[in-house]
């Protein structure tokens, strides 16, 4: 989350939402950051080719460049819903294949999975006042979801419109998590889930 604040501060002409965010950080410092929980969804594939950097190899100056076949991502994939704060991942929830993530499903995850996970992993955070952040996807902004957050008295941090590049999950957690998984091949849904669990554990311990 500190990286998110730093990225916002680096913008030449930040929108009002980010200006307000930075002002709160300047006033409250880590007390502000420590209360933020952010989350999003991402696909994890049974096969995700290595990046050019990962597959790079040393060769002599006059040695020909090896031919590489462009490979597509595997057909089998599992959607993961992941929520984290400045201390690490709080909830990693693999969505069963065939399940549609609509407002009702997202609300149920917040109620039945995330809130108990916060109570277990971050004792006292529910009482200190959670600042909740997610992007402007229709599922996240649905009335059923905002009503639940209001009922919990979680303050919803506004996300700049049309700014997916400023979502902490997209520029911090997900790329690092998937870097651990690239180049591995998984044959089953359970294999994807377990590998994702290990990748996140490695990030938390790193």
N, C-alpha and C. Protein backbone atom coordinates (compact mmCIF):
# COMPACT_ATOMS: atom_id res chain seq x y z
N UNK A 1 0.82 -1.20 0.00
CA UNK A 1 0.00 0.00 0.00
C UNK A 1 0.86 1.26 0.00
N UNK A 2 2.04 1.16 0.64
CA UNK A 2 2.95 2.31 0.60
C UNK A 2 3.37 2.61 -0.84
N UNK A 3 3.54 1.56 -1.65
CA UNK A 3 3.89 1.75 -3.05
C UNK A 3 2.78 2.49 -3.78
N UNK A 4 1.54 2.20 -3.41
CA UNK A 4 0.39 2.87 -4.01
C UNK A 4 0.44 4.36 -3.72
N UNK A 5 0.72 4.72 -2.47
CA UNK A 5 0.81 6.12 -2.09
C UNK A 5 1.95 6.81 -2.84
N UNK A 6 3.08 6.13 -2.95
CA UNK A 6 4.23 6.71 -3.64
C UNK A 6 3.92 6.95 -5.11
N UNK A 7 3.20 5.99 -5.74
CA UNK A 7 2.84 6.13 -7.15
C UNK A 7 1.90 7.30 -7.36
N UNK A 8 0.97 7.47 -6.44
CA UNK A 8 0.03 8.60 -6.52
C UNK A 8 0.78 9.92 -6.42
N UNK A 9 1.73 9.98 -5.51
CA UNK A 9 2.47 11.22 -5.29
C UNK A 9 3.32 11.59 -6.49
N UNK A 10 3.70 10.58 -7.29
CA UNK A 10 4.57 10.82 -8.43
C UNK A 10 3.83 11.40 -9.63
N UNK A 11 2.50 11.39 -9.60
CA UNK A 11 1.73 11.89 -10.73
C UNK A 11 1.87 13.40 -10.84
N UNK A 12 1.96 13.91 -12.08
CA UNK A 12 2.12 15.34 -12.30
C UNK A 12 0.88 16.12 -11.91
N UNK A 13 -0.28 15.59 -12.29
CA UNK A 13 -1.54 16.30 -12.01
C UNK A 13 -2.57 15.30 -11.49
N UNK A 14 -2.43 14.86 -10.24
CA UNK A 14 -3.31 13.82 -9.71
C UNK A 14 -4.75 14.30 -9.59
N UNK A 15 -5.72 13.42 -9.85
CA UNK A 15 -7.12 13.79 -9.71
C UNK A 15 -7.48 14.06 -8.25
N UNK A 16 -8.62 14.74 -7.99
CA UNK A 16 -9.00 15.10 -6.61
C UNK A 16 -9.05 13.91 -5.66
N UNK A 17 -9.47 12.76 -6.16
CA UNK A 17 -9.54 11.58 -5.30
C UNK A 17 -8.17 11.27 -4.71
N UNK A 18 -7.14 11.32 -5.53
CA UNK A 18 -5.80 11.00 -5.07
C UNK A 18 -5.23 12.11 -4.19
N UNK A 19 -5.60 13.35 -4.48
CA UNK A 19 -5.16 14.46 -3.64
C UNK A 19 -5.69 14.27 -2.22
N UNK A 20 -6.96 13.91 -2.10
CA UNK A 20 -7.55 13.66 -0.78
C UNK A 20 -6.85 12.50 -0.08
N UNK A 21 -6.55 11.47 -0.86
CA UNK A 21 -5.87 10.31 -0.31
C UNK A 21 -4.51 10.70 0.25
N UNK A 22 -3.75 11.48 -0.51
CA UNK A 22 -2.42 11.90 -0.08
C UNK A 22 -2.48 12.80 1.15
N UNK A 23 -3.50 13.67 1.22
CA UNK A 23 -3.64 14.54 2.37
C UNK A 23 -3.90 13.72 3.64
N UNK A 24 -4.72 12.69 3.51
CA UNK A 24 -4.98 11.84 4.68
C UNK A 24 -3.72 11.12 5.11
N UNK A 25 -2.95 10.67 4.14
CA UNK A 25 -1.70 9.98 4.47
C UNK A 25 -0.73 10.93 5.18
N UNK A 26 -0.64 12.16 4.70
CA UNK A 26 0.26 13.13 5.32
C UNK A 26 -0.14 13.44 6.75
N UNK A 27 -1.45 13.40 7.01
CA UNK A 27 -1.95 13.71 8.35
C UNK A 27 -1.86 12.52 9.29
N UNK A 28 -2.29 11.35 8.79
CA UNK A 28 -2.42 10.17 9.66
C UNK A 28 -1.28 9.17 9.55
N UNK A 29 -0.47 9.26 8.49
CA UNK A 29 0.67 8.37 8.28
C UNK A 29 0.26 6.89 8.39
N UNK A 30 1.02 6.10 9.13
CA UNK A 30 0.79 4.66 9.17
C UNK A 30 -0.52 4.27 9.84
N UNK A 31 -1.08 5.16 10.66
CA UNK A 31 -2.39 4.89 11.23
C UNK A 31 -3.44 4.80 10.13
N UNK A 32 -3.23 5.58 9.07
CA UNK A 32 -4.13 5.55 7.92
C UNK A 32 -3.88 4.30 7.08
N UNK A 33 -2.63 4.03 6.75
CA UNK A 33 -2.30 2.88 5.92
C UNK A 33 -2.64 1.56 6.60
N UNK A 34 -2.46 1.51 7.91
CA UNK A 34 -2.69 0.26 8.63
C UNK A 34 -4.14 -0.17 8.68
N UNK A 35 -5.06 0.73 8.36
CA UNK A 35 -6.48 0.40 8.40
C UNK A 35 -7.03 0.05 7.02
N UNK A 36 -6.21 0.16 5.99
CA UNK A 36 -6.70 -0.08 4.63
C UNK A 36 -6.65 -1.56 4.27
N UNK A 37 -7.74 -2.07 3.78
CA UNK A 37 -7.82 -3.40 3.19
C UNK A 37 -8.25 -3.23 1.74
N UNK A 38 -7.50 -3.81 0.82
CA UNK A 38 -7.83 -3.71 -0.59
C UNK A 38 -7.96 -5.10 -1.19
N UNK A 39 -8.74 -5.22 -2.25
CA UNK A 39 -8.94 -6.54 -2.85
C UNK A 39 -9.38 -6.46 -4.29
N UNK A 40 -9.27 -7.59 -4.97
CA UNK A 40 -9.68 -7.67 -6.37
C UNK A 40 -9.72 -9.14 -6.78
N UNK A 41 -10.09 -9.38 -8.05
CA UNK A 41 -10.16 -10.73 -8.58
C UNK A 41 -9.14 -10.86 -9.71
N UNK A 42 -8.62 -12.09 -9.89
CA UNK A 42 -7.70 -12.35 -10.99
C UNK A 42 -7.77 -13.82 -11.39
N UNK A 43 -7.55 -14.08 -12.67
CA UNK A 43 -7.48 -15.46 -13.17
C UNK A 43 -6.08 -16.02 -12.95
N UNK A 44 -6.02 -17.27 -12.52
CA UNK A 44 -4.76 -18.00 -12.46
C UNK A 44 -4.90 -19.21 -13.39
N UNK A 45 -3.98 -19.32 -14.36
CA UNK A 45 -4.10 -20.32 -15.42
C UNK A 45 -3.28 -21.57 -15.12
N UNK A 46 -3.70 -22.67 -15.75
CA UNK A 46 -2.97 -23.93 -15.59
C UNK A 46 -1.59 -23.86 -16.23
N UNK A 47 -1.42 -22.94 -17.18
CA UNK A 47 -0.12 -22.73 -17.81
C UNK A 47 -0.02 -21.27 -18.21
N UNK A 48 1.00 -20.61 -17.70
CA UNK A 48 1.24 -19.21 -18.03
C UNK A 48 2.69 -19.11 -18.48
N UNK A 49 2.93 -18.84 -19.76
CA UNK A 49 4.31 -18.85 -20.27
C UNK A 49 5.20 -17.87 -19.52
N UNK A 50 6.48 -18.20 -19.46
CA UNK A 50 7.44 -17.31 -18.84
C UNK A 50 7.53 -16.01 -19.62
N UNK A 51 7.84 -14.93 -18.95
CA UNK A 51 8.10 -13.66 -19.62
C UNK A 51 9.44 -13.75 -20.35
N UNK A 52 9.70 -12.79 -21.23
CA UNK A 52 10.98 -12.77 -21.94
C UNK A 52 12.14 -12.71 -20.96
N UNK A 53 11.94 -11.95 -19.89
CA UNK A 53 13.02 -11.82 -18.92
C UNK A 53 13.27 -13.13 -18.19
N UNK A 54 12.17 -13.84 -17.85
CA UNK A 54 12.32 -15.11 -17.14
C UNK A 54 12.98 -16.18 -18.00
N UNK A 55 12.69 -16.16 -19.30
CA UNK A 55 13.19 -17.21 -20.19
C UNK A 55 14.52 -16.83 -20.83
N UNK A 56 15.08 -15.67 -20.45
CA UNK A 56 16.36 -15.24 -21.02
C UNK A 56 17.47 -16.22 -20.63
N UNK A 57 18.44 -16.38 -21.53
CA UNK A 57 19.55 -17.27 -21.25
C UNK A 57 20.83 -16.69 -21.84
N UNK A 58 21.97 -17.02 -21.20
CA UNK A 58 23.26 -16.53 -21.68
C UNK A 58 23.69 -17.29 -22.92
N UNK A 59 24.29 -16.61 -23.85
CA UNK A 59 24.83 -17.26 -25.04
C UNK A 59 26.03 -16.45 -25.54
N UNK A 60 26.89 -17.11 -26.32
CA UNK A 60 28.05 -16.42 -26.89
C UNK A 60 27.61 -15.39 -27.91
N UNK A 61 28.48 -14.41 -28.15
CA UNK A 61 28.15 -13.32 -29.06
C UNK A 61 27.77 -13.82 -30.44
N UNK A 62 28.51 -14.85 -30.95
CA UNK A 62 28.26 -15.34 -32.30
C UNK A 62 27.29 -16.52 -32.34
N UNK A 63 26.72 -16.87 -31.20
CA UNK A 63 25.78 -17.99 -31.15
C UNK A 63 24.41 -17.54 -31.61
N UNK A 64 23.74 -18.29 -32.50
CA UNK A 64 22.42 -17.87 -32.99
C UNK A 64 21.38 -17.86 -31.88
N UNK A 65 20.44 -16.94 -32.03
CA UNK A 65 19.35 -16.83 -31.06
C UNK A 65 18.42 -18.03 -31.21
N UNK A 66 18.10 -18.72 -30.12
CA UNK A 66 17.22 -19.90 -30.23
C UNK A 66 15.80 -19.51 -30.63
N UNK A 67 15.19 -20.36 -31.44
CA UNK A 67 13.81 -20.12 -31.85
C UNK A 67 12.87 -20.51 -30.72
N UNK A 68 11.87 -19.67 -30.49
CA UNK A 68 10.91 -19.95 -29.43
C UNK A 68 9.50 -19.88 -29.99
N UNK A 69 8.72 -20.86 -29.61
CA UNK A 69 7.34 -20.93 -30.06
C UNK A 69 6.47 -20.09 -29.14
N UNK A 70 5.65 -19.23 -29.73
CA UNK A 70 4.72 -18.43 -28.92
C UNK A 70 3.66 -19.35 -28.33
N UNK A 71 3.54 -19.35 -27.03
CA UNK A 71 2.60 -20.26 -26.36
C UNK A 71 1.48 -19.47 -25.70
N UNK A 72 0.30 -20.03 -25.77
CA UNK A 72 -0.85 -19.39 -25.17
C UNK A 72 -1.05 -19.91 -23.75
N UNK A 73 -1.83 -19.16 -22.98
CA UNK A 73 -2.15 -19.59 -21.62
C UNK A 73 -3.01 -20.84 -21.66
N UNK A 74 -2.93 -21.64 -20.61
CA UNK A 74 -3.70 -22.87 -20.54
C UNK A 74 -5.20 -22.61 -20.51
N UNK A 75 -5.95 -23.61 -20.96
CA UNK A 75 -7.41 -23.46 -21.02
C UNK A 75 -8.04 -23.52 -19.63
N UNK A 76 -7.47 -24.34 -18.75
CA UNK A 76 -8.00 -24.46 -17.39
C UNK A 76 -7.55 -23.25 -16.56
N UNK A 77 -8.48 -22.64 -15.85
CA UNK A 77 -8.13 -21.48 -15.05
C UNK A 77 -9.07 -21.38 -13.85
N UNK A 78 -8.59 -20.73 -12.81
CA UNK A 78 -9.37 -20.55 -11.58
C UNK A 78 -9.34 -19.08 -11.19
N UNK A 79 -10.50 -18.51 -10.99
CA UNK A 79 -10.59 -17.13 -10.51
C UNK A 79 -10.30 -17.08 -9.01
N UNK A 80 -9.42 -16.17 -8.62
CA UNK A 80 -9.11 -15.98 -7.21
C UNK A 80 -9.54 -14.59 -6.77
N UNK A 81 -10.18 -14.51 -5.62
CA UNK A 81 -10.49 -13.23 -4.97
C UNK A 81 -9.51 -13.09 -3.82
N UNK A 82 -8.74 -12.01 -3.83
CA UNK A 82 -7.68 -11.84 -2.85
C UNK A 82 -7.79 -10.47 -2.19
N UNK A 83 -7.71 -10.46 -0.88
CA UNK A 83 -7.78 -9.23 -0.10
C UNK A 83 -6.53 -9.14 0.79
N UNK A 84 -5.93 -7.96 0.87
CA UNK A 84 -4.72 -7.84 1.67
C UNK A 84 -4.61 -6.44 2.26
N UNK A 85 -3.72 -6.32 3.24
CA UNK A 85 -3.40 -5.02 3.83
C UNK A 85 -1.89 -4.86 3.85
N UNK A 86 -1.38 -3.88 4.56
CA UNK A 86 0.06 -3.60 4.55
C UNK A 86 0.86 -4.71 5.22
N UNK A 87 0.21 -5.61 5.93
CA UNK A 87 0.91 -6.70 6.61
C UNK A 87 0.84 -8.02 5.85
N UNK A 88 0.13 -8.05 4.73
CA UNK A 88 0.07 -9.28 3.96
C UNK A 88 -1.35 -9.65 3.55
N UNK A 89 -1.47 -10.85 2.99
CA UNK A 89 -2.76 -11.32 2.49
C UNK A 89 -3.64 -11.76 3.65
N UNK A 90 -4.89 -11.30 3.63
CA UNK A 90 -5.86 -11.67 4.66
C UNK A 90 -6.75 -12.81 4.18
N UNK A 91 -7.15 -12.75 2.91
CA UNK A 91 -8.02 -13.80 2.37
C UNK A 91 -7.66 -14.09 0.93
N UNK A 92 -7.51 -15.38 0.62
CA UNK A 92 -7.37 -15.86 -0.75
C UNK A 92 -8.52 -16.84 -0.97
N UNK A 93 -9.44 -16.45 -1.84
CA UNK A 93 -10.63 -17.28 -2.03
C UNK A 93 -10.72 -17.73 -3.49
N UNK A 94 -10.51 -19.05 -3.77
CA UNK A 94 -10.67 -19.56 -5.14
C UNK A 94 -12.15 -19.75 -5.45
N UNK A 95 -12.60 -19.13 -6.50
CA UNK A 95 -14.01 -19.22 -6.89
C UNK A 95 -14.25 -20.53 -7.63
N UNK A 96 -15.22 -21.34 -7.21
CA UNK A 96 -15.48 -22.61 -7.90
C UNK A 96 -15.75 -22.39 -9.38
N UNK A 97 -15.19 -23.27 -10.21
CA UNK A 97 -15.38 -23.17 -11.66
C UNK A 97 -16.87 -23.22 -11.99
N UNK A 98 -17.30 -22.33 -12.86
CA UNK A 98 -18.71 -22.26 -13.25
C UNK A 98 -19.51 -21.26 -12.45
N UNK A 99 -18.89 -20.69 -11.40
CA UNK A 99 -19.58 -19.71 -10.57
C UNK A 99 -19.47 -18.32 -11.19
N UNK A 100 -20.58 -17.63 -11.26
CA UNK A 100 -20.58 -16.25 -11.74
C UNK A 100 -20.39 -15.29 -10.58
N UNK A 101 -19.40 -14.41 -10.69
CA UNK A 101 -19.18 -13.43 -9.63
C UNK A 101 -20.09 -12.24 -9.90
N UNK A 102 -21.24 -12.24 -9.27
CA UNK A 102 -22.16 -11.11 -9.34
C UNK A 102 -22.18 -10.42 -7.99
N UNK A 103 -23.03 -9.43 -7.85
CA UNK A 103 -23.06 -8.66 -6.61
C UNK A 103 -23.42 -9.53 -5.41
N UNK A 104 -24.35 -10.45 -5.59
CA UNK A 104 -24.78 -11.30 -4.48
C UNK A 104 -23.64 -12.23 -4.03
N UNK A 105 -22.90 -12.76 -5.00
CA UNK A 105 -21.79 -13.65 -4.64
C UNK A 105 -20.68 -12.86 -3.95
N UNK A 106 -20.36 -11.69 -4.48
CA UNK A 106 -19.31 -10.86 -3.89
C UNK A 106 -19.70 -10.47 -2.46
N UNK A 107 -20.96 -10.11 -2.28
CA UNK A 107 -21.45 -9.76 -0.94
C UNK A 107 -21.29 -10.93 0.02
N UNK A 108 -21.59 -12.13 -0.45
CA UNK A 108 -21.50 -13.31 0.39
C UNK A 108 -20.06 -13.58 0.80
N UNK A 109 -19.12 -13.35 -0.12
CA UNK A 109 -17.71 -13.54 0.23
C UNK A 109 -17.28 -12.52 1.29
N UNK A 110 -17.73 -11.28 1.14
CA UNK A 110 -17.41 -10.28 2.15
C UNK A 110 -17.96 -10.68 3.53
N UNK A 111 -19.17 -11.20 3.54
CA UNK A 111 -19.82 -11.55 4.80
C UNK A 111 -19.27 -12.84 5.41
N UNK A 112 -19.18 -13.88 4.59
CA UNK A 112 -18.88 -15.22 5.12
C UNK A 112 -17.40 -15.57 5.12
N UNK A 113 -16.59 -14.87 4.33
CA UNK A 113 -15.18 -15.22 4.22
C UNK A 113 -14.25 -14.10 4.71
N UNK A 114 -14.44 -12.89 4.16
CA UNK A 114 -13.50 -11.82 4.48
C UNK A 114 -13.63 -11.35 5.92
N UNK A 115 -14.84 -11.07 6.35
CA UNK A 115 -15.01 -10.54 7.72
C UNK A 115 -14.48 -11.52 8.78
N UNK A 116 -14.81 -12.82 8.69
CA UNK A 116 -14.22 -13.76 9.66
C UNK A 116 -12.69 -13.84 9.56
N UNK A 117 -12.16 -13.72 8.33
CA UNK A 117 -10.70 -13.77 8.17
C UNK A 117 -10.04 -12.56 8.82
N UNK A 118 -10.67 -11.40 8.72
CA UNK A 118 -10.14 -10.20 9.37
C UNK A 118 -10.14 -10.39 10.89
N UNK A 119 -11.24 -10.91 11.38
CA UNK A 119 -11.36 -11.11 12.84
C UNK A 119 -10.29 -12.09 13.34
N UNK A 120 -9.96 -13.09 12.52
CA UNK A 120 -8.99 -14.10 12.93
C UNK A 120 -7.56 -13.61 12.78
N UNK A 121 -7.24 -12.94 11.66
CA UNK A 121 -5.86 -12.59 11.36
C UNK A 121 -5.46 -11.19 11.83
N UNK A 122 -6.44 -10.30 11.97
CA UNK A 122 -6.15 -8.93 12.37
C UNK A 122 -7.04 -8.54 13.55
N UNK A 123 -6.84 -9.16 14.70
CA UNK A 123 -7.66 -8.84 15.87
C UNK A 123 -7.62 -7.34 16.18
N UNK A 124 -8.76 -6.77 16.38
CA UNK A 124 -8.84 -5.36 16.72
C UNK A 124 -9.07 -4.45 15.54
N UNK A 125 -8.80 -4.91 14.33
CA UNK A 125 -8.95 -4.05 13.16
C UNK A 125 -10.41 -3.71 12.90
N UNK A 126 -11.30 -4.65 13.17
CA UNK A 126 -12.72 -4.38 12.96
C UNK A 126 -13.19 -3.25 13.87
N UNK A 127 -12.63 -3.19 15.07
CA UNK A 127 -13.03 -2.16 16.02
C UNK A 127 -12.38 -0.80 15.72
N UNK A 128 -11.17 -0.83 15.15
CA UNK A 128 -10.46 0.42 14.91
C UNK A 128 -11.00 1.18 13.70
N UNK A 129 -11.73 0.48 12.85
CA UNK A 129 -12.34 1.14 11.70
C UNK A 129 -11.62 0.83 10.41
N UNK A 130 -12.23 0.01 9.58
CA UNK A 130 -11.59 -0.43 8.35
C UNK A 130 -11.82 0.58 7.23
N UNK A 131 -10.77 0.86 6.49
CA UNK A 131 -10.86 1.64 5.27
C UNK A 131 -10.78 0.65 4.11
N UNK A 132 -11.89 0.47 3.41
CA UNK A 132 -11.96 -0.59 2.40
C UNK A 132 -11.79 -0.02 1.01
N UNK A 133 -10.95 -0.69 0.22
CA UNK A 133 -10.67 -0.21 -1.14
C UNK A 133 -10.84 -1.34 -2.16
N UNK A 134 -11.59 -1.06 -3.20
CA UNK A 134 -11.61 -1.89 -4.40
C UNK A 134 -11.91 -0.98 -5.58
N UNK A 135 -11.78 -1.50 -6.80
CA UNK A 135 -11.96 -0.63 -7.95
C UNK A 135 -13.44 -0.43 -8.26
N UNK A 136 -13.71 0.19 -9.43
CA UNK A 136 -15.09 0.58 -9.75
C UNK A 136 -15.84 -0.44 -10.61
N UNK A 137 -15.44 -1.70 -10.55
CA UNK A 137 -16.16 -2.74 -11.29
C UNK A 137 -17.63 -2.75 -10.84
N UNK A 138 -18.56 -3.00 -11.76
CA UNK A 138 -19.99 -2.99 -11.40
C UNK A 138 -20.33 -3.88 -10.21
N UNK A 139 -19.66 -5.03 -10.11
CA UNK A 139 -19.92 -5.93 -8.98
C UNK A 139 -19.57 -5.24 -7.66
N UNK A 140 -18.50 -4.46 -7.66
CA UNK A 140 -18.04 -3.80 -6.43
C UNK A 140 -18.92 -2.62 -6.04
N UNK A 141 -19.51 -1.97 -7.01
CA UNK A 141 -20.28 -0.75 -6.73
C UNK A 141 -21.79 -1.00 -6.64
N UNK A 142 -22.20 -2.25 -6.74
CA UNK A 142 -23.63 -2.57 -6.66
C UNK A 142 -24.20 -2.19 -5.30
N UNK A 143 -25.48 -1.87 -5.29
CA UNK A 143 -26.14 -1.42 -4.06
C UNK A 143 -26.06 -2.48 -2.96
N UNK A 144 -26.21 -3.75 -3.34
CA UNK A 144 -26.15 -4.82 -2.34
C UNK A 144 -24.81 -4.83 -1.62
N UNK A 145 -23.74 -4.51 -2.33
CA UNK A 145 -22.40 -4.51 -1.74
C UNK A 145 -22.19 -3.25 -0.90
N UNK A 146 -22.55 -2.09 -1.41
CA UNK A 146 -22.35 -0.85 -0.65
C UNK A 146 -23.19 -0.84 0.62
N UNK A 147 -24.35 -1.48 0.58
CA UNK A 147 -25.18 -1.56 1.79
C UNK A 147 -24.51 -2.41 2.87
N UNK A 148 -23.87 -3.51 2.46
CA UNK A 148 -23.17 -4.35 3.42
C UNK A 148 -22.01 -3.60 4.05
N UNK A 149 -21.23 -2.90 3.23
CA UNK A 149 -20.10 -2.13 3.75
C UNK A 149 -20.56 -1.03 4.71
N UNK A 150 -21.67 -0.39 4.35
CA UNK A 150 -22.21 0.65 5.23
C UNK A 150 -22.68 0.06 6.55
N UNK A 151 -23.29 -1.13 6.47
CA UNK A 151 -23.75 -1.81 7.69
C UNK A 151 -22.60 -2.18 8.61
N UNK A 152 -21.46 -2.53 8.02
CA UNK A 152 -20.27 -2.85 8.81
C UNK A 152 -19.55 -1.60 9.30
N UNK A 153 -19.97 -0.44 8.78
CA UNK A 153 -19.30 0.83 9.08
C UNK A 153 -17.86 0.84 8.58
N UNK A 154 -17.63 0.16 7.44
CA UNK A 154 -16.34 0.23 6.79
C UNK A 154 -16.35 1.44 5.86
N UNK A 155 -15.38 2.31 6.00
CA UNK A 155 -15.30 3.47 5.12
C UNK A 155 -14.78 3.04 3.76
N UNK A 156 -15.52 3.36 2.72
CA UNK A 156 -15.14 2.97 1.37
C UNK A 156 -14.27 4.06 0.76
N UNK A 157 -13.03 3.71 0.46
CA UNK A 157 -12.12 4.66 -0.18
C UNK A 157 -12.46 4.75 -1.67
N UNK A 158 -12.64 5.95 -2.15
CA UNK A 158 -13.00 6.14 -3.55
C UNK A 158 -11.82 5.78 -4.45
N UNK A 159 -12.13 5.13 -5.56
CA UNK A 159 -11.11 4.78 -6.54
C UNK A 159 -11.27 5.66 -7.77
N UNK A 160 -10.18 6.24 -8.29
CA UNK A 160 -10.29 7.11 -9.47
C UNK A 160 -10.92 6.36 -10.65
N UNK A 161 -11.84 6.99 -11.32
CA UNK A 161 -12.49 6.37 -12.47
C UNK A 161 -11.46 6.12 -13.59
N UNK A 162 -11.65 5.01 -14.26
CA UNK A 162 -10.81 4.65 -15.41
C UNK A 162 -9.33 4.61 -15.05
N UNK A 163 -9.04 4.13 -13.86
CA UNK A 163 -7.64 4.08 -13.42
C UNK A 163 -7.27 2.69 -12.90
N UNK A 164 -7.40 1.65 -13.74
CA UNK A 164 -7.05 0.30 -13.26
C UNK A 164 -5.58 0.17 -12.91
N UNK A 165 -4.73 1.04 -13.50
CA UNK A 165 -3.31 0.97 -13.22
C UNK A 165 -2.97 1.45 -11.82
N UNK A 166 -3.92 2.05 -11.12
CA UNK A 166 -3.68 2.52 -9.76
C UNK A 166 -4.26 1.59 -8.71
N UNK A 167 -4.77 0.42 -9.12
CA UNK A 167 -5.25 -0.57 -8.17
C UNK A 167 -4.05 -1.32 -7.61
N UNK A 168 -3.83 -1.30 -6.28
CA UNK A 168 -2.65 -1.95 -5.71
C UNK A 168 -2.50 -3.42 -6.11
N UNK A 169 -3.62 -4.13 -6.26
CA UNK A 169 -3.54 -5.54 -6.65
C UNK A 169 -2.88 -5.70 -8.01
N UNK A 170 -3.22 -4.80 -8.94
CA UNK A 170 -2.79 -4.96 -10.32
C UNK A 170 -1.33 -4.60 -10.55
N UNK A 171 -0.79 -3.65 -9.78
CA UNK A 171 0.60 -3.29 -10.03
C UNK A 171 1.54 -3.81 -8.95
N UNK A 172 1.00 -4.47 -7.93
CA UNK A 172 1.88 -4.97 -6.87
C UNK A 172 1.68 -6.47 -6.62
N UNK A 173 0.55 -6.85 -6.06
CA UNK A 173 0.36 -8.23 -5.60
C UNK A 173 0.27 -9.24 -6.75
N UNK A 174 -0.63 -9.01 -7.70
CA UNK A 174 -0.87 -10.01 -8.74
C UNK A 174 0.36 -10.29 -9.60
N UNK A 175 1.07 -9.26 -10.08
CA UNK A 175 2.26 -9.56 -10.89
C UNK A 175 3.31 -10.36 -10.13
N UNK A 176 3.53 -10.03 -8.86
CA UNK A 176 4.53 -10.75 -8.07
C UNK A 176 4.08 -12.19 -7.82
N UNK A 177 2.80 -12.38 -7.55
CA UNK A 177 2.27 -13.72 -7.33
C UNK A 177 2.42 -14.58 -8.58
N UNK A 178 2.06 -14.01 -9.73
CA UNK A 178 2.08 -14.78 -10.98
C UNK A 178 3.50 -15.04 -11.47
N UNK A 179 4.44 -14.21 -11.03
CA UNK A 179 5.84 -14.46 -11.39
C UNK A 179 6.31 -15.78 -10.82
N UNK A 180 5.79 -16.13 -9.62
CA UNK A 180 6.13 -17.40 -9.00
C UNK A 180 5.53 -18.58 -9.75
N UNK A 181 4.43 -18.35 -10.48
CA UNK A 181 3.68 -19.44 -11.10
C UNK A 181 4.05 -19.66 -12.57
N UNK A 182 4.60 -18.65 -13.21
CA UNK A 182 4.89 -18.75 -14.64
C UNK A 182 5.91 -19.86 -14.93
N UNK A 183 5.64 -20.58 -16.01
CA UNK A 183 6.53 -21.67 -16.40
C UNK A 183 6.16 -23.00 -15.79
N UNK A 184 5.23 -23.00 -14.84
CA UNK A 184 4.75 -24.24 -14.23
C UNK A 184 3.46 -24.67 -14.93
N UNK A 185 3.26 -25.98 -14.98
CA UNK A 185 2.06 -26.50 -15.63
C UNK A 185 1.24 -27.28 -14.60
N UNK A 186 -0.05 -26.98 -14.54
CA UNK A 186 -0.94 -27.62 -13.59
C UNK A 186 -2.04 -28.36 -14.36
N UNK A 187 -2.33 -29.56 -13.92
CA UNK A 187 -3.28 -30.40 -14.65
C UNK A 187 -4.70 -30.32 -14.10
N UNK A 188 -4.84 -29.84 -12.87
CA UNK A 188 -6.15 -29.82 -12.22
C UNK A 188 -6.44 -28.48 -11.57
N UNK A 189 -7.71 -28.27 -11.29
CA UNK A 189 -8.11 -27.07 -10.56
C UNK A 189 -7.43 -27.01 -9.19
N UNK A 190 -7.37 -28.16 -8.50
CA UNK A 190 -6.75 -28.20 -7.18
C UNK A 190 -5.26 -27.87 -7.27
N UNK A 191 -4.61 -28.30 -8.36
CA UNK A 191 -3.20 -27.98 -8.54
C UNK A 191 -2.97 -26.49 -8.66
N UNK A 192 -3.85 -25.80 -9.38
CA UNK A 192 -3.76 -24.34 -9.50
C UNK A 192 -3.95 -23.68 -8.14
N UNK A 193 -4.96 -24.15 -7.40
CA UNK A 193 -5.27 -23.55 -6.11
C UNK A 193 -4.12 -23.70 -5.12
N UNK A 194 -3.54 -24.90 -5.06
CA UNK A 194 -2.46 -25.15 -4.12
C UNK A 194 -1.20 -24.36 -4.49
N UNK A 195 -0.92 -24.26 -5.80
CA UNK A 195 0.26 -23.51 -6.23
C UNK A 195 0.10 -22.02 -5.93
N UNK A 196 -1.12 -21.51 -6.10
CA UNK A 196 -1.39 -20.11 -5.78
C UNK A 196 -1.22 -19.86 -4.29
N UNK A 197 -1.68 -20.79 -3.50
CA UNK A 197 -1.53 -20.69 -2.04
C UNK A 197 -0.05 -20.61 -1.65
N UNK A 198 0.77 -21.44 -2.27
CA UNK A 198 2.21 -21.45 -1.97
C UNK A 198 2.85 -20.14 -2.44
N UNK A 199 2.46 -19.66 -3.62
CA UNK A 199 3.03 -18.41 -4.14
C UNK A 199 2.75 -17.25 -3.21
N UNK A 200 1.52 -17.17 -2.70
CA UNK A 200 1.16 -16.10 -1.78
C UNK A 200 1.89 -16.24 -0.46
N UNK A 201 2.02 -17.46 0.01
CA UNK A 201 2.75 -17.69 1.26
C UNK A 201 4.19 -17.22 1.13
N UNK A 202 4.81 -17.49 -0.03
CA UNK A 202 6.18 -17.05 -0.26
C UNK A 202 6.29 -15.53 -0.26
N UNK A 203 5.27 -14.85 -0.82
CA UNK A 203 5.28 -13.40 -0.82
C UNK A 203 5.16 -12.86 0.61
N UNK A 204 4.27 -13.46 1.39
CA UNK A 204 4.08 -13.01 2.78
C UNK A 204 5.35 -13.20 3.61
N UNK A 205 6.10 -14.25 3.29
CA UNK A 205 7.32 -14.56 4.05
C UNK A 205 8.55 -13.85 3.50
N UNK A 206 8.37 -13.20 2.30
CA UNK A 206 9.51 -12.57 1.64
C UNK A 206 9.86 -11.21 2.22
